[in-house]
Amino acid sequence: FPSILPASLTFVKQHKGRAQAAEEAWGACLGSFGLIAFAAVIWAAAESAEHPAAVLVAAVVAWLVVSGLMWRVCGDRV
């Protein structure tokens, strides 16, 4: 994700304009909080987990919840 963001923002800017690229960058910033939540769940539960698949599901749910909340709270600020 982070490695392709500059290329995709450049593409969006060239084809849809600077405002759309700024909106995409803002969305990526908000989505990063979801990735942090995903990593935190994995880090906290991975060693002690009896079922690694359950940890993965919990991490995905954390990502969805945090990303969704960030979008609801901050999504329209561009």
PDB file of N, CA and C in Angstrom:
ATOM      1  N   PHE A   1       0.805  -1.204   0.000  1.00  0.00           N
ATOM      2  CA  PHE A   1       0.000   0.000   0.000  1.00  0.00           C
ATOM      3  C   PHE A   1       0.847   1.267   0.000  1.00  0.00           C
ATOM      4  N   PRO A   2       1.739   1.470   0.956  1.00  0.00           N
ATOM      5  CA  PRO A   2       2.504   2.725   0.935  1.00  0.00           C
ATOM      6  C   PRO A   2       3.390   2.871  -0.294  1.00  0.00           C
ATOM      7  N   SER A   3       3.875   1.781  -0.834  1.00  0.00           N
ATOM      8  CA  SER A   3       4.779   1.890  -1.975  1.00  0.00           C
ATOM      9  C   SER A   3       4.056   2.284  -3.262  1.00  0.00           C
ATOM     10  N   ILE A   4       2.795   1.977  -3.393  1.00  0.00           N
ATOM     11  CA  ILE A   4       2.087   2.334  -4.618  1.00  0.00           C
ATOM     12  C   ILE A   4       1.295   3.634  -4.491  1.00  0.00           C
ATOM     13  N   LEU A   5       1.190   4.191  -3.288  1.00  0.00           N
ATOM     14  CA  LEU A   5       0.406   5.417  -3.100  1.00  0.00           C
ATOM     15  C   LEU A   5       0.933   6.588  -3.930  1.00  0.00           C
ATOM     16  N   PRO A   6       2.239   6.893  -3.932  1.00  0.00           N
ATOM     17  CA  PRO A   6       2.692   8.025  -4.758  1.00  0.00           C
ATOM     18  C   PRO A   6       2.384   7.845  -6.246  1.00  0.00           C
ATOM     19  N   ALA A   7       2.560   6.638  -6.739  1.00  0.00           N
ATOM     20  CA  ALA A   7       2.278   6.400  -8.158  1.00  0.00           C
ATOM     21  C   ALA A   7       0.793   6.565  -8.455  1.00  0.00           C
ATOM     22  N   SER A   8      -0.051   6.047  -7.582  1.00  0.00           N
ATOM     23  CA  SER A   8      -1.486   6.161  -7.842  1.00  0.00           C
ATOM     24  C   SER A   8      -1.961   7.603  -7.700  1.00  0.00           C
ATOM     25  N   LEU A   9      -1.387   8.358  -6.760  1.00  0.00           N
ATOM     26  CA  LEU A   9      -1.771   9.770  -6.631  1.00  0.00           C
ATOM     27  C   LEU A   9      -1.336  10.577  -7.844  1.00  0.00           C
ATOM     28  N   THR A  10      -0.162  10.256  -8.376  1.00  0.00           N
ATOM     29  CA  THR A  10       0.298  10.927  -9.596  1.00  0.00           C
ATOM     30  C   THR A  10      -0.646  10.624 -10.750  1.00  0.00           C
ATOM     31  N   PHE A  11      -1.051   9.382 -10.876  1.00  0.00           N
ATOM     32  CA  PHE A  11      -1.984   8.983 -11.930  1.00  0.00           C
ATOM     33  C   PHE A  11      -3.317   9.715 -11.786  1.00  0.00           C
ATOM     34  N   VAL A  12      -3.843   9.755 -10.566  1.00  0.00           N
ATOM     35  CA  VAL A  12      -5.126  10.424 -10.329  1.00  0.00           C
ATOM     36  C   VAL A  12      -5.010  11.913 -10.628  1.00  0.00           C
ATOM     37  N   LYS A  13      -3.907  12.537 -10.214  1.00  0.00           N
ATOM     38  CA  LYS A  13      -3.729  13.970 -10.474  1.00  0.00           C
ATOM     39  C   LYS A  13      -3.695  14.261 -11.968  1.00  0.00           C
ATOM     40  N   GLN A  14      -3.009  13.422 -12.731  1.00  0.00           N
ATOM     41  CA  GLN A  14      -2.907  13.655 -14.168  1.00  0.00           C
ATOM     42  C   GLN A  14      -4.245  13.462 -14.877  1.00  0.00           C
ATOM     43  N   HIS A  15      -5.054  12.530 -14.404  1.00  0.00           N
ATOM     44  CA  HIS A  15      -6.279  12.198 -15.120  1.00  0.00           C
ATOM     45  C   HIS A  15      -7.540  12.830 -14.546  1.00  0.00           C
ATOM     46  N   LYS A  16      -7.537  13.150 -13.249  1.00  0.00           N
ATOM     47  CA  LYS A  16      -8.756  13.690 -12.641  1.00  0.00           C
ATOM     48  C   LYS A  16      -8.547  14.997 -11.914  1.00  0.00           C
ATOM     49  N   GLY A  17      -7.313  15.471 -11.824  1.00  0.00           N
ATOM     50  CA  GLY A  17      -7.038  16.765 -11.230  1.00  0.00           C
ATOM     51  C   GLY A  17      -6.498  16.697  -9.811  1.00  0.00           C
ATOM     52  N   ARG A  18      -5.998  17.844  -9.407  1.00  0.00           N
ATOM     53  CA  ARG A  18      -5.351  17.953  -8.100  1.00  0.00           C
ATOM     54  C   ARG A  18      -6.328  17.745  -6.948  1.00  0.00           C
ATOM     55  N   ALA A  19      -7.538  18.261  -7.063  1.00  0.00           N
ATOM     56  CA  ALA A  19      -8.520  18.122  -5.978  1.00  0.00           C
ATOM     57  C   ALA A  19      -8.856  16.661  -5.724  1.00  0.00           C
ATOM     58  N   GLN A  20      -9.030  15.887  -6.767  1.00  0.00           N
ATOM     59  CA  GLN A  20      -9.321  14.460  -6.601  1.00  0.00           C
ATOM     60  C   GLN A  20      -8.131  13.729  -5.988  1.00  0.00           C
ATOM     61  N   ALA A  21      -6.914  14.110  -6.390  1.00  0.00           N
ATOM     62  CA  ALA A  21      -5.717  13.485  -5.820  1.00  0.00           C
ATOM     63  C   ALA A  21      -5.609  13.810  -4.330  1.00  0.00           C
ATOM     64  N   ALA A  22      -5.954  15.035  -3.945  1.00  0.00           N
ATOM     65  CA  ALA A  22      -5.935  15.416  -2.525  1.00  0.00           C
ATOM     66  C   ALA A  22      -6.957  14.608  -1.742  1.00  0.00           C
ATOM     67  N   GLU A  23      -8.111  14.387  -2.337  1.00  0.00           N
ATOM     68  CA  GLU A  23      -9.144  13.578  -1.680  1.00  0.00           C
ATOM     69  C   GLU A  23      -8.681  12.131  -1.512  1.00  0.00           C
ATOM     70  N   GLU A  24      -8.022  11.595  -2.517  1.00  0.00           N
ATOM     71  CA  GLU A  24      -7.486  10.232  -2.431  1.00  0.00           C
ATOM     72  C   GLU A  24      -6.410  10.141  -1.347  1.00  0.00           C
ATOM     73  N   ALA A  25      -5.557  11.157  -1.263  1.00  0.00           N
ATOM     74  CA  ALA A  25      -4.504  11.158  -0.240  1.00  0.00           C
ATOM     75  C   ALA A  25      -5.105  11.230   1.161  1.00  0.00           C
ATOM     76  N   TRP A  26      -6.149  12.024   1.317  1.00  0.00           N
ATOM     77  CA  TRP A  26      -6.835  12.118   2.612  1.00  0.00           C
ATOM     78  C   TRP A  26      -7.452  10.772   2.987  1.00  0.00           C
ATOM     79  N   GLY A  27      -8.054  10.107   2.049  1.00  0.00           N
ATOM     80  CA  GLY A  27      -8.611   8.785   2.307  1.00  0.00           C
ATOM     81  C   GLY A  27      -7.547   7.775   2.692  1.00  0.00           C
ATOM     82  N   ALA A  28      -6.388   7.853   2.052  1.00  0.00           N
ATOM     83  CA  ALA A  28      -5.286   6.958   2.401  1.00  0.00           C
ATOM     84  C   ALA A  28      -4.783   7.238   3.815  1.00  0.00           C
ATOM     85  N   CYS A  29      -4.760   8.508   4.175  1.00  0.00           N
ATOM     86  CA  CYS A  29      -4.346   8.875   5.528  1.00  0.00           C
ATOM     87  C   CYS A  29      -5.317   8.299   6.560  1.00  0.00           C
ATOM     88  N   LEU A  30      -6.589   8.428   6.308  1.00  0.00           N
ATOM     89  CA  LEU A  30      -7.587   7.874   7.224  1.00  0.00           C
ATOM     90  C   LEU A  30      -7.503   6.357   7.276  1.00  0.00           C
ATOM     91  N   GLY A  31      -7.291   5.737   6.136  1.00  0.00           N
ATOM     92  CA  GLY A  31      -7.164   4.287   6.088  1.00  0.00           C
ATOM     93  C   GLY A  31      -5.943   3.772   6.826  1.00  0.00           C
ATOM     94  N   SER A  32      -4.921   4.602   6.939  1.00  0.00           N
ATOM     95  CA  SER A  32      -3.717   4.206   7.667  1.00  0.00           C
ATOM     96  C   SER A  32      -4.010   3.942   9.140  1.00  0.00           C
ATOM     97  N   PHE A  33      -4.972   4.646   9.693  1.00  0.00           N
ATOM     98  CA  PHE A  33      -5.344   4.381  11.081  1.00  0.00           C
ATOM     99  C   PHE A  33      -5.922   2.975  11.218  1.00  0.00           C
ATOM    100  N   GLY A  34      -6.648   2.538  10.211  1.00  0.00           N
ATOM    101  CA  GLY A  34      -7.150   1.173  10.202  1.00  0.00           C
ATOM    102  C   GLY A  34      -6.025   0.154  10.137  1.00  0.00           C
ATOM    103  N   LEU A  35      -4.991   0.458   9.350  1.00  0.00           N
ATOM    104  CA  LEU A  35      -3.837  -0.438   9.270  1.00  0.00           C
ATOM    105  C   LEU A  35      -3.099  -0.508  10.607  1.00  0.00           C
ATOM    106  N   ILE A  36      -3.032   0.608  11.310  1.00  0.00           N
ATOM    107  CA  ILE A  36      -2.408   0.621  12.637  1.00  0.00           C
ATOM    108  C   ILE A  36      -3.208  -0.262  13.592  1.00  0.00           C
ATOM    109  N   ALA A  37      -4.531  -0.164  13.535  1.00  0.00           N
ATOM    110  CA  ALA A  37      -5.372  -1.013  14.387  1.00  0.00           C
ATOM    111  C   ALA A  37      -5.170  -2.491  14.046  1.00  0.00           C
ATOM    112  N   PHE A  38      -5.096  -2.811  12.763  1.00  0.00           N
ATOM    113  CA  PHE A  38      -4.846  -4.184  12.315  1.00  0.00           C
ATOM    114  C   PHE A  38      -3.531  -4.694  12.908  1.00  0.00           C
ATOM    115  N   ALA A  39      -2.477  -3.901  12.768  1.00  0.00           N
ATOM    116  CA  ALA A  39      -1.167  -4.302  13.276  1.00  0.00           C
ATOM    117  C   ALA A  39      -1.173  -4.450  14.793  1.00  0.00           C
ATOM    118  N   ALA A  40      -1.877  -3.562  15.484  1.00  0.00           N
ATOM    119  CA  ALA A  40      -1.926  -3.635  16.947  1.00  0.00           C
ATOM    120  C   ALA A  40      -2.594  -4.920  17.422  1.00  0.00           C
ATOM    121  N   VAL A  41      -3.666  -5.317  16.756  1.00  0.00           N
ATOM    122  CA  VAL A  41      -4.344  -6.565  17.137  1.00  0.00           C
ATOM    123  C   VAL A  41      -3.440  -7.759  16.878  1.00  0.00           C
ATOM    124  N   ILE A  42      -2.801  -7.788  15.733  1.00  0.00           N
ATOM    125  CA  ILE A  42      -1.887  -8.890  15.423  1.00  0.00           C
ATOM    126  C   ILE A  42      -0.749  -8.938  16.443  1.00  0.00           C
ATOM    127  N   TRP A  43      -0.158  -7.798  16.723  1.00  0.00           N
ATOM    128  CA  TRP A  43       0.971  -7.735  17.642  1.00  0.00           C
ATOM    129  C   TRP A  43       0.566  -8.182  19.047  1.00  0.00           C
ATOM    130  N   ALA A  44      -0.606  -7.756  19.506  1.00  0.00           N
ATOM    131  CA  ALA A  44      -1.045  -8.062  20.858  1.00  0.00           C
ATOM    132  C   ALA A  44      -1.456  -9.520  21.028  1.00  0.00           C
ATOM    133  N   ALA A  45      -2.002 -10.124  19.997  1.00  0.00           N
ATOM    134  CA  ALA A  45      -2.609 -11.445  20.163  1.00  0.00           C
ATOM    135  C   ALA A  45      -1.875 -12.586  19.479  1.00  0.00           C
ATOM    136  N   ALA A  46      -0.931 -12.299  18.638  1.00  0.00           N
ATOM    137  CA  ALA A  46      -0.337 -13.348  17.814  1.00  0.00           C
ATOM    138  C   ALA A  46       0.395 -14.421  18.616  1.00  0.00           C
ATOM    139  N   GLU A  47       1.169 -14.043  19.604  1.00  0.00           N
ATOM    140  CA  GLU A  47       1.964 -15.023  20.341  1.00  0.00           C
ATOM    141  C   GLU A  47       1.124 -15.934  21.223  1.00  0.00           C
ATOM    142  N   SER A  48       0.073 -15.389  21.808  1.00  0.00           N
ATOM    143  CA  SER A  48      -0.710 -16.179  22.755  1.00  0.00           C
ATOM    144  C   SER A  48      -1.948 -16.827  22.145  1.00  0.00           C
ATOM    145  N   ALA A  49      -2.148 -16.647  20.874  1.00  0.00           N
ATOM    146  CA  ALA A  49      -3.370 -17.137  20.247  1.00  0.00           C
ATOM    147  C   ALA A  49      -3.322 -18.635  20.001  1.00  0.00           C
ATOM    148  N   GLU A  50      -4.402 -19.295  20.337  1.00  0.00           N
ATOM    149  CA  GLU A  50      -4.528 -20.712  20.027  1.00  0.00           C
ATOM    150  C   GLU A  50      -4.983 -20.913  18.582  1.00  0.00           C
ATOM    151  N   HIS A  51      -5.726 -19.949  18.073  1.00  0.00           N
ATOM    152  CA  HIS A  51      -6.263 -20.035  16.709  1.00  0.00           C
ATOM    153  C   HIS A  51      -5.820 -18.800  15.916  1.00  0.00           C
ATOM    154  N   PRO A  52      -4.763 -18.928  15.129  1.00  0.00           N
ATOM    155  CA  PRO A  52      -4.279 -17.781  14.355  1.00  0.00           C
ATOM    156  C   PRO A  52      -5.332 -17.199  13.421  1.00  0.00           C
ATOM    157  N   ALA A  53      -6.224 -18.032  12.903  1.00  0.00           N
ATOM    158  CA  ALA A  53      -7.270 -17.518  12.016  1.00  0.00           C
ATOM    159  C   ALA A  53      -8.203 -16.567  12.759  1.00  0.00           C
ATOM    160  N   ALA A  54      -8.456 -16.847  14.028  1.00  0.00           N
ATOM    161  CA  ALA A  54      -9.306 -15.960  14.826  1.00  0.00           C
ATOM    162  C   ALA A  54      -8.634 -14.612  15.046  1.00  0.00           C
ATOM    163  N   VAL A  55      -7.314 -14.630  15.213  1.00  0.00           N
ATOM    164  CA  VAL A  55      -6.576 -13.370  15.358  1.00  0.00           C
ATOM    165  C   VAL A  55      -6.666 -12.566  14.069  1.00  0.00           C
ATOM    166  N   LEU A  56      -6.535 -13.237  12.949  1.00  0.00           N
ATOM    167  CA  LEU A  56      -6.636 -12.552  11.662  1.00  0.00           C
ATOM    168  C   LEU A  56      -8.023 -11.953  11.467  1.00  0.00           C
ATOM    169  N   VAL A  57      -9.051 -12.694  11.809  1.00  0.00           N
ATOM    170  CA  VAL A  57     -10.422 -12.177  11.695  1.00  0.00           C
ATOM    171  C   VAL A  57     -10.603 -10.976  12.608  1.00  0.00           C
ATOM    172  N   ALA A  58     -10.106 -11.058  13.838  1.00  0.00           N
ATOM    173  CA  ALA A  58     -10.222  -9.933  14.771  1.00  0.00           C
ATOM    174  C   ALA A  58      -9.477  -8.708  14.247  1.00  0.00           C
ATOM    175  N   ALA A  59      -8.326  -8.917  13.641  1.00  0.00           N
ATOM    176  CA  ALA A  59      -7.558  -7.804  13.083  1.00  0.00           C
ATOM    177  C   ALA A  59      -8.292  -7.157  11.914  1.00  0.00           C
ATOM    178  N   VAL A  60      -8.903  -7.964  11.068  1.00  0.00           N
ATOM    179  CA  VAL A  60      -9.671  -7.412   9.946  1.00  0.00           C
ATOM    180  C   VAL A  60     -10.876  -6.626  10.450  1.00  0.00           C
ATOM    181  N   VAL A  61     -11.539  -7.148  11.466  1.00  0.00           N
ATOM    182  CA  VAL A  61     -12.675  -6.427  12.046  1.00  0.00           C
ATOM    183  C   VAL A  61     -12.210  -5.099  12.637  1.00  0.00           C
ATOM    184  N   ALA A  62     -11.070  -5.106  13.337  1.00  0.00           N
ATOM    185  CA  ALA A  62     -10.529  -3.861  13.896  1.00  0.00           C
ATOM    186  C   ALA A  62     -10.229  -2.865  12.785  1.00  0.00           C
ATOM    187  N   TRP A  63      -9.649  -3.350  11.692  1.00  0.00           N
ATOM    188  CA  TRP A  63      -9.354  -2.473  10.558  1.00  0.00           C
ATOM    189  C   TRP A  63     -10.633  -1.859   9.986  1.00  0.00           C
ATOM    190  N   LEU A  64     -11.646  -2.697   9.793  1.00  0.00           N
ATOM    191  CA  LEU A  64     -12.915  -2.201   9.249  1.00  0.00           C
ATOM    192  C   LEU A  64     -13.568  -1.181  10.175  1.00  0.00           C
ATOM    193  N   VAL A  65     -13.592  -1.469  11.460  1.00  0.00           N
ATOM    194  CA  VAL A  65     -14.239  -0.571  12.417  1.00  0.00           C
ATOM    195  C   VAL A  65     -13.504   0.766  12.491  1.00  0.00           C
ATOM    196  N   VAL A  66     -12.183   0.721  12.654  1.00  0.00           N
ATOM    197  CA  VAL A  66     -11.423   1.964  12.779  1.00  0.00           C
ATOM    198  C   VAL A  66     -11.476   2.772  11.488  1.00  0.00           C
ATOM    199  N   SER A  67     -11.303   2.124  10.351  1.00  0.00           N
ATOM    200  CA  SER A  67     -11.370   2.842   9.078  1.00  0.00           C
ATOM    201  C   SER A  67     -12.754   3.436   8.856  1.00  0.00           C
ATOM    202  N   GLY A  68     -13.789   2.675   9.182  1.00  0.00           N
ATOM    203  CA  GLY A  68     -15.149   3.184   9.041  1.00  0.00           C
ATOM    204  C   GLY A  68     -15.430   4.367   9.957  1.00  0.00           C
ATOM    205  N   LEU A  69     -14.966   4.276  11.193  1.00  0.00           N
ATOM    206  CA  LEU A  69     -15.156   5.395  12.117  1.00  0.00           C
ATOM    207  C   LEU A  69     -14.386   6.630  11.675  1.00  0.00           C
ATOM    208  N   MET A  70     -13.163   6.434  11.215  1.00  0.00           N
ATOM    209  CA  MET A  70     -12.384   7.576  10.729  1.00  0.00           C
ATOM    210  C   MET A  70     -13.062   8.228   9.534  1.00  0.00           C
ATOM    211  N   TRP A  71     -13.603   7.421   8.656  1.00  0.00           N
ATOM    212  CA  TRP A  71     -14.294   7.965   7.495  1.00  0.00           C
ATOM    213  C   TRP A  71     -15.544   8.735   7.911  1.00  0.00           C
ATOM    214  N   ARG A  72     -16.308   8.172   8.869  1.00  0.00           N
ATOM    215  CA  ARG A  72     -17.541   8.832   9.329  1.00  0.00           C
ATOM    216  C   ARG A  72     -17.225  10.149  10.042  1.00  0.00           C
ATOM    217  N   VAL A  73     -16.152  10.157  10.834  1.00  0.00           N
ATOM    218  CA  VAL A  73     -15.832  11.335  11.626  1.00  0.00           C
ATOM    219  C   VAL A  73     -15.104  12.393  10.793  1.00  0.00           C
ATOM    220  N   CYS A  74     -14.153  11.965   9.958  1.00  0.00           N
ATOM    221  CA  CYS A  74     -13.276  12.908   9.281  1.00  0.00           C
ATOM    222  C   CYS A  74     -13.370  12.883   7.767  1.00  0.00           C
ATOM    223  N   GLY A  75     -14.199  12.049   7.208  1.00  0.00           N
ATOM    224  CA  GLY A  75     -14.194  11.812   5.770  1.00  0.00           C
ATOM    225  C   GLY A  75     -14.557  12.981   4.894  1.00  0.00           C
ATOM    226  N   ASP A  76     -15.314  13.913   5.386  1.00  0.00           N
ATOM    227  CA  ASP A  76     -15.781  15.001   4.516  1.00  0.00           C
ATOM    228  C   ASP A  76     -14.991  16.296   4.714  1.00  0.00           C
ATOM    229  N   ARG A  77     -13.775  16.213   5.171  1.00  0.00           N
ATOM    230  CA  ARG A  77     -13.007  17.415   5.481  1.00  0.00           C
ATOM    231  C   ARG A  77     -12.087  17.856   4.368  1.00  0.00           C
ATOM    232  N   VAL A  78     -12.143  17.240   3.221  1.00  0.00           N
ATOM    233  CA  VAL A  78     -11.282  17.669   2.105  1.00  0.00           C
ATOM    234  C   VAL A  78     -11.906  18.857   1.423  1.00  0.00           C
TER     235      VAL A  78
END
